[in-house]
Structures are given as structure tokens and as C-alpha cells.
């Protein structure tokens, strides 16, 4: 498994995440509903809203038996935070050298991942809204638009509910 790179703006990104005071916050019905909606709208096995901290990935909301919060180095979401693209789609993780030996692929049967970056107003990526499945697949343009819209809603809701300190 290839560890994700860190973006060039990593110090600013981590500072923004810390100022939001969202890590390890209480569960929230709005984020839980976004996750439930995307599971049903896209017909996938699981979904979540992840936040990428310095060494860990934390889920603000998640419904998924396939993945767990944990090390940033083992995170699909961390690859997206460091990417130039706003979306990462892995159609079959067993065929992708970045993820083929990932524990969720080897032991939990994860095959598909698609995530859309959660981007704050200043352009900083703090995490993603993502979906996972046990079957290889790809999203169509309408499904990608749904994922993009939900990532934008999540970013707006984070900024509304967790205004930064200072």
C-alpha cells in the first residue's frame, strides 16, 4: 500500500481544521442524514464523511462495515486531500497499487471507493464525502454530481456549525 502524500498547504490545512474544533465532536443528525442519503441514492454498501488530521482520519458520520477510522497512512480519503483533483474514484481496489494490500480490501472485501473533497471557502481540503462497496463499479455523471453536491453541503454545514476560533 502506498502512503498518501501530504499537500503543499498542509500546515494551513491542519490549522484550519484545528480552528474549526470539529474533530471528535458529538454525532450530528445533519451529517448522519447526508450519509444515509448518499448510500440510498447511489446504492452502495457504505458511506461516510471523513476529516483528515495530522496522523489520523476521523469520521464525522459513517455507515459502513468495510472501513474504520484510523491511521492517515492507510486512508483512501488522505489520498484525495493531497490530490489535484476534487474526486477520487477507485473502481476496483484490488487492481490499484495504492490500495490492493489495504486491510479493508484484504480482510473486509472493499472493492470500490469514490470520494469528493470537502473544501472550505478558503480552498483548503479538510476531508471528503465518500462511498464504498464490495463490488467493483463506477459512478455515472449523475452520481458524481450527487457526491459533489453532498461534499459542498457538508463543507457549508461544517463552516456554519463550527465557526473557526480567532
N, C-alpha and C. Protein backbone atom coordinates (compact mmCIF):
# COMPACT_ATOMS: atom_id res chain seq x y z
N UNK A 1 0.84 -1.17 0.00
CA UNK A 1 0.00 0.00 0.00
C UNK A 1 0.89 1.24 0.00
N UNK A 2 0.56 2.18 -0.84
CA UNK A 2 1.32 3.42 -0.91
C UNK A 2 0.72 4.46 0.02
N UNK A 3 1.55 5.02 0.88
CA UNK A 3 1.08 6.06 1.80
C UNK A 3 0.75 7.32 1.00
N UNK A 4 -0.28 8.04 1.41
CA UNK A 4 -0.64 9.26 0.69
C UNK A 4 0.38 10.37 0.91
N UNK A 5 0.54 11.20 -0.09
CA UNK A 5 1.40 12.38 0.04
C UNK A 5 0.68 13.39 0.93
N UNK A 6 1.42 14.39 1.35
CA UNK A 6 0.80 15.49 2.09
C UNK A 6 0.78 16.71 1.17
N UNK A 7 -0.32 17.45 1.18
CA UNK A 7 -0.40 18.60 0.29
C UNK A 7 0.59 19.70 0.69
N UNK A 8 0.94 20.54 -0.27
CA UNK A 8 1.89 21.62 -0.01
C UNK A 8 1.38 22.59 1.06
N UNK A 9 0.07 22.72 1.17
CA UNK A 9 -0.51 23.64 2.15
C UNK A 9 -0.89 22.93 3.46
N UNK A 10 -0.22 21.84 3.75
CA UNK A 10 -0.56 21.02 4.93
C UNK A 10 -0.61 21.82 6.23
N UNK A 11 0.38 22.68 6.55
CA UNK A 11 0.28 23.44 7.80
C UNK A 11 -0.98 24.31 7.88
N UNK A 12 -1.32 24.98 6.80
CA UNK A 12 -2.52 25.82 6.79
C UNK A 12 -3.78 24.97 6.90
N UNK A 13 -3.78 23.83 6.24
CA UNK A 13 -4.92 22.93 6.26
C UNK A 13 -5.17 22.41 7.67
N UNK A 14 -4.10 21.99 8.34
CA UNK A 14 -4.22 21.48 9.71
C UNK A 14 -4.64 22.58 10.68
N UNK A 15 -4.12 23.79 10.46
CA UNK A 15 -4.51 24.91 11.32
C UNK A 15 -6.00 25.21 11.16
N UNK A 16 -6.49 25.20 9.93
CA UNK A 16 -7.92 25.45 9.70
C UNK A 16 -8.77 24.36 10.35
N UNK A 17 -8.34 23.12 10.23
CA UNK A 17 -9.07 22.02 10.84
C UNK A 17 -9.11 22.16 12.36
N UNK A 18 -7.99 22.54 12.96
CA UNK A 18 -7.93 22.73 14.42
C UNK A 18 -8.82 23.89 14.86
N UNK A 19 -8.83 24.96 14.08
CA UNK A 19 -9.63 26.13 14.45
C UNK A 19 -11.13 25.84 14.38
N UNK A 20 -11.53 24.86 13.59
CA UNK A 20 -12.95 24.51 13.49
C UNK A 20 -13.46 23.78 14.74
N UNK A 21 -12.57 23.13 15.46
CA UNK A 21 -12.95 22.37 16.66
C UNK A 21 -13.99 21.29 16.36
N UNK A 22 -13.87 20.64 15.23
CA UNK A 22 -14.84 19.63 14.84
C UNK A 22 -14.36 18.21 15.14
N UNK A 23 -13.04 18.01 15.20
CA UNK A 23 -12.53 16.66 15.45
C UNK A 23 -13.04 16.16 16.80
N UNK A 24 -13.55 14.94 16.79
CA UNK A 24 -14.07 14.28 17.99
C UNK A 24 -15.29 14.98 18.57
N UNK A 25 -15.99 15.76 17.74
CA UNK A 25 -17.24 16.38 18.18
C UNK A 25 -18.34 15.33 18.23
N UNK A 26 -19.42 15.69 18.87
CA UNK A 26 -20.55 14.77 19.02
C UNK A 26 -21.17 14.44 17.66
N UNK A 27 -21.82 13.28 17.56
CA UNK A 27 -22.55 12.96 16.33
C UNK A 27 -23.59 14.05 16.04
N UNK A 28 -23.92 14.19 14.78
CA UNK A 28 -24.84 15.25 14.37
C UNK A 28 -25.80 14.69 13.32
N UNK A 29 -27.09 14.93 13.53
CA UNK A 29 -28.12 14.37 12.65
C UNK A 29 -27.97 14.83 11.21
N UNK A 30 -27.54 16.06 10.98
CA UNK A 30 -27.40 16.56 9.61
C UNK A 30 -26.39 15.73 8.84
N UNK A 31 -25.24 15.48 9.43
CA UNK A 31 -24.20 14.70 8.75
C UNK A 31 -24.61 13.23 8.62
N UNK A 32 -25.27 12.71 9.65
CA UNK A 32 -25.78 11.34 9.58
C UNK A 32 -26.78 11.18 8.43
N UNK A 33 -27.65 12.18 8.25
CA UNK A 33 -28.64 12.13 7.18
C UNK A 33 -27.99 12.24 5.80
N UNK A 34 -26.94 13.04 5.68
CA UNK A 34 -26.21 13.12 4.41
C UNK A 34 -25.65 11.76 4.03
N UNK A 35 -25.09 11.07 5.01
CA UNK A 35 -24.51 9.75 4.77
C UNK A 35 -25.60 8.75 4.38
N UNK A 36 -26.71 8.73 5.11
CA UNK A 36 -27.82 7.83 4.78
C UNK A 36 -28.34 8.09 3.37
N UNK A 37 -28.47 9.36 3.05
CA UNK A 37 -28.98 9.73 1.73
C UNK A 37 -28.07 9.21 0.62
N UNK A 38 -26.78 9.43 0.73
CA UNK A 38 -25.87 9.04 -0.35
C UNK A 38 -25.82 7.52 -0.51
N UNK A 39 -25.95 6.78 0.58
CA UNK A 39 -25.99 5.32 0.48
C UNK A 39 -27.18 4.88 -0.37
N UNK A 40 -28.34 5.44 -0.08
CA UNK A 40 -29.55 5.06 -0.82
C UNK A 40 -29.56 5.62 -2.24
N UNK A 41 -29.10 6.84 -2.42
CA UNK A 41 -29.11 7.45 -3.75
C UNK A 41 -28.16 6.75 -4.71
N UNK A 42 -27.02 6.28 -4.21
CA UNK A 42 -26.03 5.64 -5.07
C UNK A 42 -26.06 4.12 -5.00
N UNK A 43 -26.84 3.57 -4.07
CA UNK A 43 -26.97 2.11 -3.97
C UNK A 43 -25.67 1.42 -3.60
N UNK A 44 -24.97 1.97 -2.61
CA UNK A 44 -23.68 1.42 -2.19
C UNK A 44 -23.79 0.78 -0.81
N UNK A 45 -22.76 0.04 -0.43
CA UNK A 45 -22.76 -0.66 0.86
C UNK A 45 -22.49 0.27 2.04
N UNK A 46 -21.80 1.38 1.81
CA UNK A 46 -21.48 2.26 2.92
C UNK A 46 -21.03 3.62 2.44
N UNK A 47 -20.96 4.55 3.40
CA UNK A 47 -20.55 5.92 3.08
C UNK A 47 -20.10 6.61 4.35
N UNK A 48 -19.45 7.74 4.19
CA UNK A 48 -19.03 8.50 5.36
C UNK A 48 -18.57 9.89 5.00
N UNK A 49 -18.37 10.66 6.05
CA UNK A 49 -17.76 11.99 5.95
C UNK A 49 -16.52 11.93 6.82
N UNK A 50 -15.35 11.99 6.18
CA UNK A 50 -14.11 11.86 6.94
C UNK A 50 -13.37 13.19 6.98
N UNK A 51 -12.63 13.37 8.04
CA UNK A 51 -11.76 14.53 8.22
C UNK A 51 -10.34 14.02 8.40
N UNK A 52 -9.41 14.58 7.66
CA UNK A 52 -8.03 14.10 7.67
C UNK A 52 -7.20 15.01 8.56
N UNK A 53 -6.80 14.48 9.71
CA UNK A 53 -5.96 15.21 10.66
C UNK A 53 -4.49 14.91 10.37
N UNK A 54 -3.60 15.32 11.27
CA UNK A 54 -2.16 15.17 11.01
C UNK A 54 -1.74 13.72 10.83
N UNK A 55 -2.18 12.85 11.73
CA UNK A 55 -1.77 11.45 11.67
C UNK A 55 -2.93 10.48 11.57
N UNK A 56 -4.15 10.98 11.70
CA UNK A 56 -5.32 10.11 11.73
C UNK A 56 -6.40 10.62 10.79
N UNK A 57 -7.35 9.74 10.54
CA UNK A 57 -8.57 10.10 9.82
C UNK A 57 -9.72 9.81 10.77
N UNK A 58 -10.62 10.78 10.89
CA UNK A 58 -11.73 10.68 11.82
C UNK A 58 -13.03 10.84 11.04
N UNK A 59 -14.04 10.06 11.38
CA UNK A 59 -15.32 10.12 10.69
C UNK A 59 -16.31 10.98 11.47
N UNK A 60 -16.78 12.03 10.85
CA UNK A 60 -17.84 12.85 11.44
C UNK A 60 -19.16 12.09 11.38
N UNK A 61 -19.34 11.31 10.34
CA UNK A 61 -20.52 10.46 10.19
C UNK A 61 -20.12 9.29 9.31
N UNK A 62 -20.65 8.12 9.60
CA UNK A 62 -20.32 6.95 8.78
C UNK A 62 -21.34 5.85 8.99
N UNK A 63 -21.64 5.17 7.91
CA UNK A 63 -22.42 3.93 7.93
C UNK A 63 -21.67 2.98 7.02
N UNK A 64 -20.78 2.19 7.61
CA UNK A 64 -20.01 1.30 6.76
C UNK A 64 -19.32 0.22 7.56
N UNK A 65 -19.58 -0.99 7.18
CA UNK A 65 -18.89 -2.10 7.83
C UNK A 65 -17.50 -2.36 7.26
N UNK A 66 -17.13 -1.67 6.18
CA UNK A 66 -15.91 -2.00 5.45
C UNK A 66 -14.67 -1.26 5.90
N UNK A 67 -14.82 -0.11 6.53
CA UNK A 67 -13.67 0.71 6.89
C UNK A 67 -13.84 1.24 8.30
N UNK A 68 -12.70 1.58 8.91
CA UNK A 68 -12.71 2.16 10.24
C UNK A 68 -11.81 3.40 10.24
N UNK A 69 -12.11 4.30 11.15
CA UNK A 69 -11.22 5.45 11.33
C UNK A 69 -9.88 4.92 11.82
N UNK A 70 -8.83 5.66 11.54
CA UNK A 70 -7.52 5.20 11.99
C UNK A 70 -6.40 6.01 11.38
N UNK A 71 -5.37 5.32 11.00
CA UNK A 71 -4.15 5.95 10.52
C UNK A 71 -4.35 6.67 9.18
N UNK A 72 -3.80 7.85 9.10
CA UNK A 72 -3.84 8.61 7.85
C UNK A 72 -3.12 7.85 6.74
N UNK A 73 -2.05 7.15 7.09
CA UNK A 73 -1.27 6.42 6.09
C UNK A 73 -2.06 5.29 5.43
N UNK A 74 -3.15 4.85 6.06
CA UNK A 74 -3.98 3.78 5.49
C UNK A 74 -5.31 4.31 4.98
N UNK A 75 -5.38 5.58 4.69
CA UNK A 75 -6.65 6.21 4.35
C UNK A 75 -6.81 6.50 2.87
N UNK A 76 -7.90 6.04 2.31
CA UNK A 76 -8.26 6.43 0.95
C UNK A 76 -8.48 7.95 0.91
N UNK A 77 -9.15 8.47 1.94
CA UNK A 77 -9.50 9.90 1.99
C UNK A 77 -8.27 10.79 1.98
N UNK A 78 -7.20 10.36 2.63
CA UNK A 78 -5.97 11.17 2.67
C UNK A 78 -5.36 11.31 1.28
N UNK A 79 -5.51 10.30 0.44
CA UNK A 79 -5.04 10.41 -0.94
C UNK A 79 -5.79 11.52 -1.67
N UNK A 80 -7.08 11.64 -1.41
CA UNK A 80 -7.88 12.68 -2.06
C UNK A 80 -7.50 14.07 -1.56
N UNK A 81 -7.25 14.21 -0.28
CA UNK A 81 -6.87 15.52 0.27
C UNK A 81 -5.59 16.03 -0.38
N UNK A 82 -4.69 15.13 -0.73
CA UNK A 82 -3.41 15.52 -1.34
C UNK A 82 -3.47 15.64 -2.86
N UNK A 83 -4.55 15.19 -3.47
CA UNK A 83 -4.64 15.16 -4.94
C UNK A 83 -4.97 16.53 -5.52
N UNK A 84 -4.72 16.68 -6.80
CA UNK A 84 -5.12 17.90 -7.51
C UNK A 84 -6.60 17.87 -7.86
N UNK A 85 -7.10 16.67 -8.12
CA UNK A 85 -8.50 16.51 -8.49
C UNK A 85 -9.38 16.64 -7.25
N UNK A 86 -10.63 17.00 -7.46
CA UNK A 86 -11.56 17.09 -6.33
C UNK A 86 -12.27 15.78 -6.07
N UNK A 87 -12.08 14.80 -6.96
CA UNK A 87 -12.70 13.49 -6.78
C UNK A 87 -11.68 12.39 -6.98
N UNK A 88 -11.81 11.36 -6.16
CA UNK A 88 -11.01 10.15 -6.33
C UNK A 88 -11.98 8.99 -6.48
N UNK A 89 -11.86 8.26 -7.58
CA UNK A 89 -12.70 7.08 -7.81
C UNK A 89 -11.79 5.89 -8.06
N UNK A 90 -11.94 4.87 -7.22
CA UNK A 90 -11.18 3.64 -7.35
C UNK A 90 -12.19 2.55 -7.69
N UNK A 91 -12.22 2.18 -8.97
CA UNK A 91 -13.25 1.25 -9.44
C UNK A 91 -13.07 -0.17 -8.90
N UNK A 92 -11.84 -0.62 -8.79
CA UNK A 92 -11.55 -1.93 -8.20
C UNK A 92 -10.25 -1.82 -7.42
N UNK A 93 -10.38 -1.72 -6.12
CA UNK A 93 -9.21 -1.50 -5.26
C UNK A 93 -8.20 -2.64 -5.33
N UNK A 94 -8.63 -3.84 -5.70
CA UNK A 94 -7.69 -4.96 -5.81
C UNK A 94 -6.72 -4.76 -6.96
N UNK A 95 -7.07 -3.89 -7.90
CA UNK A 95 -6.22 -3.65 -9.07
C UNK A 95 -5.44 -2.35 -8.98
N UNK A 96 -5.63 -1.60 -7.91
CA UNK A 96 -4.97 -0.31 -7.74
C UNK A 96 -3.79 -0.47 -6.80
N UNK A 97 -2.55 -0.22 -7.26
CA UNK A 97 -1.37 -0.44 -6.41
C UNK A 97 -1.36 0.38 -5.13
N UNK A 98 -2.09 1.49 -5.10
CA UNK A 98 -2.16 2.28 -3.86
C UNK A 98 -2.95 1.56 -2.77
N UNK A 99 -3.88 0.69 -3.16
CA UNK A 99 -4.82 0.14 -2.19
C UNK A 99 -4.95 -1.38 -2.19
N UNK A 100 -4.31 -2.07 -3.11
CA UNK A 100 -4.51 -3.52 -3.25
C UNK A 100 -4.23 -4.29 -1.97
N UNK A 101 -3.27 -3.82 -1.16
CA UNK A 101 -2.97 -4.54 0.09
C UNK A 101 -3.49 -3.79 1.32
N UNK A 102 -4.46 -2.91 1.12
CA UNK A 102 -5.10 -2.19 2.23
C UNK A 102 -5.89 -3.20 3.07
N UNK A 103 -5.86 -3.09 4.39
CA UNK A 103 -6.59 -4.04 5.24
C UNK A 103 -8.08 -4.17 4.90
N UNK A 104 -8.74 -3.08 4.54
CA UNK A 104 -10.17 -3.16 4.20
C UNK A 104 -10.39 -3.91 2.90
N UNK A 105 -9.42 -3.87 2.01
CA UNK A 105 -9.51 -4.60 0.75
C UNK A 105 -9.23 -6.08 1.00
N UNK A 106 -8.18 -6.36 1.75
CA UNK A 106 -7.78 -7.75 2.01
C UNK A 106 -8.73 -8.49 2.94
N UNK A 107 -9.24 -7.81 3.96
CA UNK A 107 -9.98 -8.52 5.01
C UNK A 107 -11.47 -8.20 5.07
N UNK A 108 -11.90 -7.06 4.55
CA UNK A 108 -13.32 -6.69 4.65
C UNK A 108 -14.03 -6.71 3.30
N UNK A 109 -13.30 -6.99 2.24
CA UNK A 109 -13.92 -7.10 0.94
C UNK A 109 -14.21 -5.79 0.22
N UNK A 110 -13.59 -4.70 0.64
CA UNK A 110 -13.81 -3.43 -0.04
C UNK A 110 -13.23 -3.50 -1.45
N UNK A 111 -14.02 -3.12 -2.42
CA UNK A 111 -13.56 -3.11 -3.81
C UNK A 111 -13.65 -1.73 -4.43
N UNK A 112 -14.68 -0.98 -4.05
CA UNK A 112 -14.95 0.31 -4.70
C UNK A 112 -14.90 1.43 -3.68
N UNK A 113 -14.29 2.54 -4.08
CA UNK A 113 -14.27 3.77 -3.27
C UNK A 113 -14.43 4.94 -4.22
N UNK A 114 -15.28 5.88 -3.84
CA UNK A 114 -15.36 7.16 -4.54
C UNK A 114 -15.54 8.23 -3.49
N UNK A 115 -14.70 9.25 -3.56
CA UNK A 115 -14.78 10.35 -2.60
C UNK A 115 -14.70 11.69 -3.31
N UNK A 116 -15.40 12.65 -2.75
CA UNK A 116 -15.36 14.02 -3.24
C UNK A 116 -14.83 14.89 -2.11
N UNK A 117 -13.86 15.73 -2.40
CA UNK A 117 -13.22 16.55 -1.38
C UNK A 117 -14.20 17.52 -0.72
N UNK A 118 -14.07 17.64 0.60
CA UNK A 118 -14.78 18.67 1.37
C UNK A 118 -13.82 19.85 1.43
N UNK A 119 -14.20 20.93 0.77
CA UNK A 119 -13.32 22.09 0.59
C UNK A 119 -13.94 23.30 1.27
N UNK A 120 -13.18 23.90 2.19
CA UNK A 120 -13.65 25.10 2.87
C UNK A 120 -13.59 26.30 1.93
N UNK A 121 -14.24 27.39 2.33
CA UNK A 121 -14.30 28.60 1.49
C UNK A 121 -12.92 29.08 1.04
N UNK A 122 -11.91 28.95 1.87
CA UNK A 122 -10.57 29.39 1.51
C UNK A 122 -9.83 28.43 0.60
N UNK A 123 -10.49 27.36 0.17
CA UNK A 123 -9.88 26.40 -0.74
C UNK A 123 -9.14 25.27 -0.07
N UNK A 124 -9.19 25.19 1.26
CA UNK A 124 -8.49 24.14 1.99
C UNK A 124 -9.34 22.88 2.07
N UNK A 125 -8.73 21.75 1.73
CA UNK A 125 -9.41 20.46 1.78
C UNK A 125 -9.22 19.86 3.17
N UNK A 126 -10.32 19.57 3.83
CA UNK A 126 -10.20 19.01 5.18
C UNK A 126 -10.61 17.55 5.24
N UNK A 127 -11.20 17.04 4.19
CA UNK A 127 -11.64 15.65 4.20
C UNK A 127 -12.44 15.33 2.96
N UNK A 128 -13.40 14.39 3.11
CA UNK A 128 -14.20 14.00 1.96
C UNK A 128 -15.54 13.43 2.38
N UNK A 129 -16.46 13.47 1.43
CA UNK A 129 -17.68 12.67 1.49
C UNK A 129 -17.40 11.51 0.55
N UNK A 130 -17.58 10.28 1.04
CA UNK A 130 -17.18 9.14 0.23
C UNK A 130 -18.18 8.00 0.32
N UNK A 131 -18.12 7.13 -0.67
CA UNK A 131 -18.93 5.91 -0.70
C UNK A 131 -18.01 4.72 -0.95
N UNK A 132 -18.43 3.56 -0.46
CA UNK A 132 -17.66 2.33 -0.65
C UNK A 132 -18.62 1.19 -0.99
N UNK A 133 -18.06 0.16 -1.62
CA UNK A 133 -18.88 -1.01 -1.94
C UNK A 133 -18.00 -2.25 -2.01
N UNK A 134 -18.67 -3.40 -1.98
CA UNK A 134 -17.97 -4.68 -2.04
C UNK A 134 -17.83 -5.20 -3.46
N UNK A 135 -18.38 -4.48 -4.41
CA UNK A 135 -18.30 -4.87 -5.82
C UNK A 135 -17.57 -3.78 -6.61
N UNK A 136 -16.73 -4.17 -7.57
CA UNK A 136 -16.15 -3.16 -8.45
C UNK A 136 -17.28 -2.45 -9.20
N UNK A 137 -17.12 -1.16 -9.39
CA UNK A 137 -18.15 -0.39 -10.09
C UNK A 137 -17.58 0.95 -10.49
N UNK A 138 -18.39 1.74 -11.15
CA UNK A 138 -18.03 3.12 -11.45
C UNK A 138 -19.29 3.97 -11.33
N UNK A 139 -19.09 5.23 -11.07
CA UNK A 139 -20.21 6.16 -10.95
C UNK A 139 -20.50 6.78 -12.31
N UNK A 140 -21.77 7.04 -12.56
CA UNK A 140 -22.13 7.79 -13.76
C UNK A 140 -22.08 9.29 -13.44
N UNK A 141 -22.29 10.12 -14.43
CA UNK A 141 -22.16 11.57 -14.22
C UNK A 141 -23.18 12.09 -13.21
N UNK A 142 -24.38 11.56 -13.20
CA UNK A 142 -25.39 12.00 -12.22
C UNK A 142 -24.97 11.63 -10.80
N UNK A 143 -24.43 10.44 -10.62
CA UNK A 143 -23.97 10.02 -9.29
C UNK A 143 -22.78 10.86 -8.82
N UNK A 144 -21.90 11.21 -9.73
CA UNK A 144 -20.77 12.09 -9.38
C UNK A 144 -21.28 13.46 -8.94
N UNK A 145 -22.30 13.95 -9.62
CA UNK A 145 -22.89 15.24 -9.27
C UNK A 145 -23.53 15.19 -7.88
N UNK A 146 -24.19 14.08 -7.56
CA UNK A 146 -24.77 13.91 -6.22
C UNK A 146 -23.66 13.96 -5.17
N UNK A 147 -22.58 13.22 -5.41
CA UNK A 147 -21.46 13.20 -4.46
C UNK A 147 -20.84 14.60 -4.31
N UNK A 148 -20.69 15.30 -5.42
CA UNK A 148 -20.14 16.65 -5.38
C UNK A 148 -21.05 17.58 -4.59
N UNK A 149 -22.34 17.51 -4.83
CA UNK A 149 -23.30 18.37 -4.11
C UNK A 149 -23.27 18.09 -2.62
N UNK A 150 -23.19 16.83 -2.24
CA UNK A 150 -23.16 16.48 -0.82
C UNK A 150 -21.87 16.94 -0.16
N UNK A 151 -20.76 16.90 -0.88
CA UNK A 151 -19.49 17.42 -0.33
C UNK A 151 -19.59 18.92 -0.11
N UNK A 152 -20.24 19.63 -1.03
CA UNK A 152 -20.42 21.07 -0.87
C UNK A 152 -21.35 21.38 0.30
N UNK A 153 -22.42 20.60 0.44
CA UNK A 153 -23.33 20.77 1.58
C UNK A 153 -22.59 20.51 2.88
N UNK A 154 -21.79 19.44 2.92
CA UNK A 154 -21.03 19.12 4.13
C UNK A 154 -20.07 20.25 4.48
N UNK A 155 -19.38 20.80 3.50
CA UNK A 155 -18.44 21.91 3.76
C UNK A 155 -19.18 23.11 4.32
N UNK A 156 -20.30 23.45 3.72
CA UNK A 156 -21.09 24.58 4.21
C UNK A 156 -21.62 24.36 5.61
N UNK A 157 -22.07 23.15 5.88
CA UNK A 157 -22.61 22.83 7.20
C UNK A 157 -21.50 22.84 8.25
N UNK A 158 -20.32 22.36 7.90
CA UNK A 158 -19.18 22.41 8.83
C UNK A 158 -18.85 23.86 9.15
N UNK A 159 -18.77 24.71 8.14
CA UNK A 159 -18.45 26.11 8.39
C UNK A 159 -19.55 26.82 9.18
N UNK A 160 -20.80 26.42 8.98
CA UNK A 160 -21.91 27.04 9.71
C UNK A 160 -21.94 26.58 11.17
N UNK A 161 -21.78 25.28 11.39
CA UNK A 161 -21.90 24.73 12.75
C UNK A 161 -20.64 24.89 13.58
N UNK A 162 -19.50 24.96 12.92
CA UNK A 162 -18.22 25.01 13.62
C UNK A 162 -17.42 26.22 13.16
N UNK A 163 -17.92 27.43 13.45
CA UNK A 163 -17.16 28.62 13.02
C UNK A 163 -15.78 28.62 13.65
N UNK A 164 -14.76 28.95 12.87
CA UNK A 164 -13.39 28.89 13.40
C UNK A 164 -13.15 29.89 14.52
N UNK A 165 -12.32 29.46 15.45
CA UNK A 165 -11.86 30.37 16.51
C UNK A 165 -10.89 31.37 15.91
N UNK A 166 -10.85 32.55 16.49
CA UNK A 166 -9.84 33.53 16.11
C UNK A 166 -10.19 34.22 14.86
